[in-house]
N, C-alpha and C. Protein backbone atom coordinates (compact mmCIF):
# COMPACT_ATOMS: atom_id res chain seq x y z
N UNK A 1 337.31 92.13 183.57
CA UNK A 1 336.14 92.80 183.07
C UNK A 1 334.97 91.92 182.60
N UNK A 2 334.04 92.36 183.05
CA UNK A 2 332.47 91.63 182.84
C UNK A 2 331.68 92.57 182.29
N UNK A 3 330.83 91.79 181.38
CA UNK A 3 329.83 92.61 180.54
C UNK A 3 328.20 92.25 180.92
N UNK A 4 327.11 93.00 180.83
CA UNK A 4 326.40 92.38 181.40
C UNK A 4 324.85 92.13 180.33
N UNK A 5 325.45 91.67 179.03
CA UNK A 5 324.24 91.29 178.09
C UNK A 5 324.68 90.29 177.59
N UNK A 6 324.10 89.00 177.54
CA UNK A 6 324.61 87.96 176.81
C UNK A 6 324.48 88.05 175.37
N UNK A 7 325.61 87.35 174.44
CA UNK A 7 325.57 87.42 173.17
C UNK A 7 324.11 87.39 172.53
N UNK A 8 324.48 88.24 171.32
CA UNK A 8 322.99 88.04 170.66
C UNK A 8 321.79 89.05 171.07
N UNK A 9 322.01 89.37 172.15
CA UNK A 9 320.65 90.41 172.87
C UNK A 9 321.14 91.85 172.38
N UNK A 10 320.94 92.57 171.43
CA UNK A 10 320.89 93.54 171.13
C UNK A 10 322.31 93.99 170.47
N UNK A 11 322.22 95.79 170.32
CA UNK A 11 323.69 95.99 169.51
C UNK A 11 324.83 96.68 170.61
N UNK A 12 324.67 96.84 171.66
CA UNK A 12 325.20 97.29 172.67
C UNK A 12 325.25 96.05 173.97
N UNK A 13 326.70 96.38 174.61
CA UNK A 13 326.59 95.59 176.12
C UNK A 13 327.30 96.86 176.83
N UNK A 14 327.04 96.60 178.20
CA UNK A 14 328.12 97.32 179.04
C UNK A 14 328.80 96.64 179.72
N UNK A 15 330.02 97.10 179.27
CA UNK A 15 331.25 96.61 180.12
C UNK A 15 331.44 97.27 181.64
N UNK A 16 331.79 96.64 182.62
CA UNK A 16 331.83 96.84 184.18
C UNK A 16 333.16 97.04 184.26
N UNK A 17 333.47 97.99 184.94
CA UNK A 17 334.96 98.53 185.43
C UNK A 17 335.18 98.59 186.79
N UNK A 18 336.09 98.30 187.13
CA UNK A 18 336.25 98.32 188.61
C UNK A 18 335.91 99.72 189.18
N UNK A 19 335.46 99.62 190.49
CA UNK A 19 334.84 101.13 191.42
C UNK A 19 335.39 101.98 191.32
N UNK A 20 336.76 102.09 191.44
CA UNK A 20 337.83 103.01 191.67
C UNK A 20 337.98 103.72 190.24
N UNK A 21 337.52 103.26 189.15
CA UNK A 21 337.70 103.90 187.97
C UNK A 21 336.43 104.99 187.33
N UNK A 22 337.14 105.90 186.95
CA UNK A 22 336.17 106.85 186.52
C UNK A 22 335.92 106.98 184.73
N UNK A 23 334.53 106.61 184.56
CA UNK A 23 334.43 105.96 183.06
C UNK A 23 334.48 107.27 182.31
N UNK A 24 333.80 108.35 182.80
CA UNK A 24 334.18 109.52 182.12
C UNK A 24 335.62 109.81 181.07
N UNK A 25 336.15 109.53 182.37
CA UNK A 25 337.65 109.91 182.14
C UNK A 25 338.04 109.02 180.82
N UNK A 26 337.86 107.44 181.10
CA UNK A 26 338.67 106.68 180.19
C UNK A 26 337.70 106.79 178.93
N UNK A 27 336.40 107.34 179.04
CA UNK A 27 335.78 107.59 177.45
C UNK A 27 336.54 108.87 176.97
N UNK A 28 336.91 109.72 177.67
CA UNK A 28 337.80 111.17 177.16
C UNK A 28 338.83 110.23 176.79
N UNK A 29 339.45 109.52 177.41
CA UNK A 29 341.29 108.91 176.56
C UNK A 29 340.78 108.34 175.38
N UNK A 30 339.87 107.21 175.16
CA UNK A 30 339.36 106.66 174.16
C UNK A 30 339.30 107.57 172.78
N UNK A 31 338.39 108.55 173.25
CA UNK A 31 338.10 109.59 172.20
C UNK A 31 339.31 110.21 171.57
N UNK A 32 340.65 110.26 172.32
CA UNK A 32 341.75 111.43 171.96
C UNK A 32 342.25 110.16 170.61
N UNK A 33 341.85 109.02 170.88
CA UNK A 33 342.61 107.94 170.17
C UNK A 33 341.36 107.42 168.94
N UNK A 34 340.64 108.43 168.66
CA UNK A 34 339.10 108.07 167.75
C UNK A 34 338.37 107.11 167.86
N UNK A 35 338.16 106.82 169.35
CA UNK A 35 337.44 105.50 169.87
C UNK A 35 336.37 106.15 170.54
N UNK A 36 335.10 105.94 170.39
CA UNK A 36 333.83 106.38 170.81
C UNK A 36 333.70 105.26 171.77
N UNK A 37 333.24 105.67 173.05
CA UNK A 37 332.68 104.70 174.14
C UNK A 37 331.80 105.87 174.98
N UNK A 38 330.76 105.27 175.22
CA UNK A 38 329.77 106.07 176.14
C UNK A 38 330.20 105.43 177.45
N UNK A 39 330.23 106.28 178.34
CA UNK A 39 330.58 106.11 179.97
C UNK A 39 329.00 105.95 180.57
N UNK A 40 329.04 105.16 181.51
CA UNK A 40 327.85 104.61 182.00
C UNK A 40 327.62 105.78 182.93
N UNK A 41 328.03 106.87 183.19
CA UNK A 41 327.70 107.97 183.89
C UNK A 41 326.43 108.62 182.88
N UNK A 42 326.68 108.65 181.58
CA UNK A 42 325.58 109.29 180.98
C UNK A 42 324.31 108.55 180.93
N UNK A 43 324.29 107.37 181.30
CA UNK A 43 322.99 106.62 181.42
C UNK A 43 322.84 106.27 182.96
N UNK A 44 322.90 106.81 184.00
CA UNK A 44 322.59 106.87 185.33
C UNK A 44 321.21 107.73 185.57
N UNK A 45 320.16 107.25 186.17
CA UNK A 45 318.92 108.02 186.41
C UNK A 45 319.26 108.78 187.76
N UNK A 46 319.47 109.90 187.63
CA UNK A 46 319.73 110.51 188.86
C UNK A 46 320.79 110.80 189.70
N UNK A 47 320.94 111.04 190.81
CA UNK A 47 322.48 111.07 191.59
C UNK A 47 322.68 109.87 192.10
N UNK A 48 322.24 108.85 191.89
CA UNK A 48 322.11 107.44 192.78
C UNK A 48 323.83 106.97 192.17
N UNK A 49 324.34 106.54 192.83
CA UNK A 49 325.67 106.03 192.66
C UNK A 49 325.44 104.89 191.74
N UNK A 50 326.47 104.81 190.80
CA UNK A 50 326.14 103.86 189.86
C UNK A 50 327.51 103.21 189.49
N UNK A 51 327.52 101.72 189.04
CA UNK A 51 328.77 101.18 188.87
C UNK A 51 329.69 101.67 187.74
N UNK A 52 331.03 101.92 187.65
CA UNK A 52 331.53 102.66 186.61
C UNK A 52 331.55 101.50 185.48
N UNK A 53 331.02 102.01 184.26
CA UNK A 53 331.08 101.07 183.14
C UNK A 53 331.38 101.53 181.72
N UNK A 54 331.19 101.06 180.58
CA UNK A 54 331.16 101.73 179.32
C UNK A 54 330.05 100.96 178.35
N UNK A 55 329.53 101.84 177.87
CA UNK A 55 328.58 101.27 176.69
C UNK A 55 329.17 101.07 175.46
N UNK A 56 329.15 99.15 175.32
CA UNK A 56 330.31 98.97 174.07
C UNK A 56 329.23 98.70 172.88
N UNK A 57 329.65 99.07 171.60
CA UNK A 57 328.96 99.03 170.44
C UNK A 57 329.28 97.78 169.94
N UNK A 58 328.56 96.63 170.07
CA UNK A 58 328.91 95.26 169.32
C UNK A 58 329.55 95.28 168.05
N UNK A 59 328.78 95.85 167.22
CA UNK A 59 329.37 96.08 165.56
C UNK A 59 330.87 96.28 165.67
N UNK A 60 331.15 97.11 166.78
CA UNK A 60 332.52 97.93 166.68
C UNK A 60 333.62 97.09 167.64
N UNK A 61 333.11 96.20 168.15
CA UNK A 61 334.11 95.87 169.36
C UNK A 61 335.41 94.95 168.77
N UNK A 62 335.14 94.58 167.73
CA UNK A 62 336.36 93.69 166.97
C UNK A 62 337.39 94.67 166.27
N UNK A 63 337.16 96.44 166.42
CA UNK A 63 338.17 97.26 165.84
C UNK A 63 339.67 96.85 166.13
N UNK A 64 340.42 96.66 165.67
CA UNK A 64 341.88 96.56 166.35
C UNK A 64 342.20 97.59 167.08
N UNK A 65 341.75 98.91 166.84
CA UNK A 65 342.09 100.17 167.88
C UNK A 65 341.42 99.90 169.02
N UNK A 66 340.18 99.51 169.14
CA UNK A 66 339.51 99.27 170.28
C UNK A 66 340.06 98.10 171.08
N UNK A 67 340.41 97.21 170.56
CA UNK A 67 341.10 96.06 171.09
C UNK A 67 342.43 96.36 171.91
N UNK A 68 343.13 97.08 171.06
CA UNK A 68 344.39 97.32 171.64
C UNK A 68 344.23 98.20 172.85
N UNK A 69 342.98 99.18 172.61
CA UNK A 69 342.87 100.27 173.65
C UNK A 69 342.26 99.43 174.89
N UNK A 70 341.56 98.47 175.00
CA UNK A 70 340.93 97.82 175.99
C UNK A 70 342.06 96.97 176.54
N UNK A 71 342.92 96.25 175.97
CA UNK A 71 344.14 95.43 176.43
C UNK A 71 345.17 96.51 177.35
N UNK A 72 345.17 97.48 176.68
CA UNK A 72 346.12 98.54 177.35
C UNK A 72 345.20 99.20 178.90
N UNK A 73 344.12 99.24 178.79
CA UNK A 73 343.09 99.38 180.10
C UNK A 73 343.14 98.59 181.01
N UNK A 74 343.28 97.38 180.29
CA UNK A 74 342.84 96.27 181.65
C UNK A 74 344.07 95.80 182.09
N UNK A 75 345.20 96.34 181.45
CA UNK A 75 346.85 96.06 181.90
C UNK A 75 346.88 97.13 182.87
N UNK A 76 346.14 98.05 182.94
CA UNK A 76 346.56 99.05 184.01
C UNK A 76 345.59 98.73 185.36
N UNK A 77 344.46 97.96 185.09
CA UNK A 77 343.86 97.58 186.39
C UNK A 77 344.80 96.91 187.63
């Protein structure tokens, strides 16, 4: 998994997902565990194809629930 913003450059980063993944579905799975992730789909301008990803709040990225969710997610790729 890769991010788009270097450390210290804002409150959010964008976590890239593999092409075959559905960022909206992943955000919905996270929400069922009380983890809020914004799918990149929400930030796409127009119908142009975008790379799947998640907008991550840096201040909350150390939350143990998020870390555990991310580990399970990455293990499934």
